[in-house]
C-alpha atoms as a PDB file:
ATOM      1  CA  MET A   1      -7.115  -8.222  14.260  1.00  0.00           C
ATOM      2  CA  GLY A   2      -4.596  -9.505  11.798  1.00  0.00           C
ATOM      3  CA  GLU A   3      -5.897 -10.397   8.497  1.00  0.00           C
ATOM      4  CA  ALA A   4      -9.653  -9.660   8.983  1.00  0.00           C
ATOM      5  CA  SER A   5      -9.075  -6.585   8.047  1.00  0.00           C
ATOM      6  CA  ALA A   6      -7.062  -7.774   4.182  1.00  0.00           C
ATOM      7  CA  PRO A   7     -10.182  -7.541   2.661  1.00  0.00           C
ATOM      8  CA  VAL A   8     -10.373  -3.961   2.931  1.00  0.00           C
ATOM      9  CA  MET A   9      -7.531  -3.249   0.313  1.00  0.00           C
ATOM     10  CA  ALA A  10      -9.379  -5.171  -2.470  1.00  0.00           C
ATOM     11  CA  LEU A  11     -11.514  -2.562  -1.835  1.00  0.00           C
ATOM     12  CA  ARG A  12     -12.225  -0.095  -5.094  1.00  0.00           C
ATOM     13  CA  PRO A  13     -13.802   3.021  -4.786  1.00  0.00           C
ATOM     14  CA  VAL A  14     -15.514   4.595  -7.906  1.00  0.00           C
ATOM     15  CA  ALA A  15     -17.606   8.066  -8.328  1.00  0.00           C
ATOM     16  CA  PHE A  16     -20.917   7.396  -9.770  1.00  0.00           C
ATOM     17  CA  ARG A  17     -24.130   9.083 -10.814  1.00  0.00           C
ATOM     18  CA  TYR A  18     -27.364   7.755 -10.539  1.00  0.00           C
ATOM     19  CA  LYS A  19     -29.557   6.884 -12.760  1.00  0.00           C
ATOM     20  CA  GLN A  20     -32.887   9.258 -12.249  1.00  0.00           C
ATOM     21  CA  ALA A  21     -31.005  12.034 -11.234  1.00  0.00           C
ATOM     22  CA  GLU A  22     -30.699  15.391 -13.149  1.00  0.00           C
ATOM     23  CA  PRO A  23     -27.830  15.996 -15.935  1.00  0.00           C
ATOM     24  CA  ASP A  24     -26.182  18.916 -13.258  1.00  0.00           C
ATOM     25  CA  SER A  25     -26.352  16.706 -10.522  1.00  0.00           C
ATOM     26  CA  PRO A  26     -23.123  15.885  -8.490  1.00  0.00           C
ATOM     27  CA  ASP A  27     -21.014  13.111  -8.646  1.00  0.00           C
ATOM     28  CA  ARG A  28     -21.907  10.532  -6.114  1.00  0.00           C
ATOM     29  CA  TYR A  29     -18.967   8.011  -4.475  1.00  0.00           C
ATOM     30  CA  GLY A  30     -18.791   5.074  -3.141  1.00  0.00           C
ATOM     31  CA  LEU A  31     -17.275   1.435  -3.012  1.00  0.00           C
ATOM     32  CA  ILE A  32     -17.378  -1.542  -4.864  1.00  0.00           C
ATOM     33  CA  ALA A  33     -17.612  -3.345  -1.799  1.00  0.00           C
ATOM     34  CA  GLU A  34     -18.166  -7.438  -2.751  1.00  0.00           C
ATOM     35  CA  ILE A  35     -15.263  -8.793  -2.254  1.00  0.00           C
ATOM     36  CA  ALA A  36     -15.529  -7.146   1.667  1.00  0.00           C
ATOM     37  CA  PRO A  37     -18.912  -9.346   2.503  1.00  0.00           C
ATOM     38  CA  ASP A  38     -18.549  -7.678   6.848  1.00  0.00           C
ATOM     39  CA  ILE A  39     -18.962  -4.867   4.967  1.00  0.00           C
ATOM     40  CA  VAL A  40     -21.683  -5.213   2.752  1.00  0.00           C
ATOM     41  CA  VAL A  41     -24.411  -3.984   3.354  1.00  0.00           C
ATOM     42  CA  TYR A  42     -27.755  -6.329   1.135  1.00  0.00           C
ATOM     43  CA  ASP A  43     -31.167  -5.477   0.211  1.00  0.00           C
ATOM     44  CA  ALA A  44     -34.069  -7.852   0.192  1.00  0.00           C
ATOM     45  CA  GLU A  45     -33.808  -9.488  -3.022  1.00  0.00           C
ATOM     46  CA  GLY A  46     -29.768 -10.510  -1.488  1.00  0.00           C
ATOM     47  CA  ARG A  47     -28.779  -7.328  -3.421  1.00  0.00           C
ATOM     48  CA  PRO A  48     -24.952  -5.101  -2.736  1.00  0.00           C
ATOM     49  CA  TYR A  49     -27.966  -2.211  -1.365  1.00  0.00           C
ATOM     50  CA  SER A  50     -24.791   0.147   0.953  1.00  0.00           C
ATOM     51  CA  ALA A  51     -21.907  -0.649   3.158  1.00  0.00           C
ATOM     52  CA  ARG A  52     -20.797  -0.771   6.168  1.00  0.00           C
ATOM     53  CA  CYS A  53     -17.957   2.909   6.526  1.00  0.00           C
ATOM     54  CA  HIS A  54     -18.409   2.553  10.150  1.00  0.00           C
ATOM     55  CA  LEU A  55     -16.831  -0.020   9.635  1.00  0.00           C
ATOM     56  CA  LEU A  56     -13.888   0.461   7.062  1.00  0.00           C
ATOM     57  CA  ALA A  57     -11.589   3.420   9.442  1.00  0.00           C
ATOM     58  CA  PRO A  58      -9.990   0.540  12.355  1.00  0.00           C
ATOM     59  CA  MET A  59     -10.169  -1.489   8.943  1.00  0.00           C
ATOM     60  CA  LEU A  60      -8.037   0.930   7.502  1.00  0.00           C
ATOM     61  CA  LEU A  61      -6.261   1.818  10.850  1.00  0.00           C
ATOM     62  CA  ASN A  62      -5.138  -1.665  10.923  1.00  0.00           C
ATOM     63  CA  GLU A  63      -4.136  -2.210   7.141  1.00  0.00           C
ATOM     64  CA  MET A  64      -2.018   1.172   7.493  1.00  0.00           C
ATOM     65  CA  GLN A  65      -0.218   0.021  10.637  1.00  0.00           C
ATOM     66  CA  LYS A  66       0.730  -2.534   8.307  1.00  0.00           C
ATOM     67  CA  GLN A  67       2.163  -0.579   6.262  1.00  0.00           C
ATOM     68  CA  GLN A  68       4.154   1.083   8.492  1.00  0.00           C
ATOM     69  CA  ARG A  69       5.925  -1.231  10.489  1.00  0.00           C
ATOM     70  CA  THR A  70       6.982  -2.918   6.782  1.00  0.00           C
ATOM     71  CA  ILE A  71       8.185   0.746   6.215  1.00  0.00           C
ATOM     72  CA  GLU A  72      10.223   0.716   8.759  1.00  0.00           C
ATOM     73  CA  GLU A  73      11.815  -2.554   7.990  1.00  0.00           C
ATOM     74  CA  LEU A  74      12.446  -1.756   5.119  1.00  0.00           C
ATOM     75  CA  LYS A  75      14.531   1.406   5.783  1.00  0.00           C
ATOM     76  CA  GLU A  76      16.661  -0.448   8.193  1.00  0.00           C
ATOM     77  CA  VAL A  77      17.314  -2.982   5.172  1.00  0.00           C
ATOM     78  CA  ASN A  78      18.099   0.259   2.718  1.00  0.00           C
ATOM     79  CA  MET A  79      20.417   1.342   5.463  1.00  0.00           C
ATOM     80  CA  LEU A  80      22.418  -2.036   5.479  1.00  0.00           C
ATOM     81  CA  LEU A  81      22.046  -2.067   1.602  1.00  0.00           C
ATOM     82  CA  LEU A  82      24.401   1.543   1.572  1.00  0.00           C
ATOM     83  CA  GLN A  83      26.256   1.129   4.403  1.00  0.00           C
ATOM     84  CA  ARG A  84      26.984  -2.408   2.513  1.00  0.00           C
ATOM     85  CA  VAL A  85      26.968   0.063  -1.254  1.00  0.00           C
ATOM     86  CA  GLY A  86      29.905   2.270   1.164  1.00  0.00           C
ATOM     87  CA  LYS A  87      32.030  -0.719   1.761  1.00  0.00           C
ATOM     88  CA  LEU A  88      32.600  -1.988  -1.612  1.00  0.00           C
ATOM     89  CA  GLU A  89      32.951   1.446  -3.560  1.00  0.00           C
ATOM     90  CA  GLN A  90      35.920   1.873  -0.473  1.00  0.00           C
ATOM     91  CA  GLY A  91      37.198  -1.324  -1.935  1.00  0.00           C
ATOM     92  CA  ALA A  92      36.875  -0.032  -4.905  1.00  0.00           C
ATOM     93  CA  GLU A  93      38.624   2.859  -4.018  1.00  0.00           C
ATOM     94  CA  THR A  94      41.617   0.837  -2.694  1.00  0.00           C
ATOM     95  CA  LEU A  95      41.092  -1.725  -5.537  1.00  0.00           C
ATOM     96  CA  ALA A  96      42.279   1.434  -7.972  1.00  0.00           C
ATOM     97  CA  LYS A  97      44.951   3.053  -6.257  1.00  0.00           C
ATOM     98  CA  VAL A  98      46.662  -0.356  -6.384  1.00  0.00           C
ATOM     99  CA  GLN A  99      46.831  -1.584  -9.545  1.00  0.00           C
ATOM    100  CA  ASN A 100      47.616   1.946 -10.577  1.00  0.00           C
ATOM    101  CA  PHE A 101      50.720   1.980  -8.960  1.00  0.00           C
ATOM    102  CA  PRO A 102      53.774   1.728 -10.786  1.00  0.00           C
ATOM    103  CA  LYS A 103      55.173  -0.985 -11.388  1.00  0.00           C
ATOM    104  CA  SER A 104      59.376  -2.305  -9.747  1.00  0.00           C
ATOM    105  CA  ASP A 105      61.476  -3.127 -12.643  1.00  0.00           C
END
């Protein structure tokens, strides 16, 4: 799927209420999806009408898997950096001990 799922990250979830709805009617939920034209269904006049929600699951899964790979890579980088910091701290402690030795005359 590669980058074909990238537009799904630009989708914007919204809550709305139909203009003709009763005042106490519950909110509806939807997506602002014009950024992802493969998902949008247009009405006869060419206006966005709906979204092909069945396409969202595989696209979201692909994006989640890409994020998981990034997380795993960042964990590895973080571990290496923590190891380097530990070595630097040990070196700093050693240097501090050496500098505190009494001077011989």
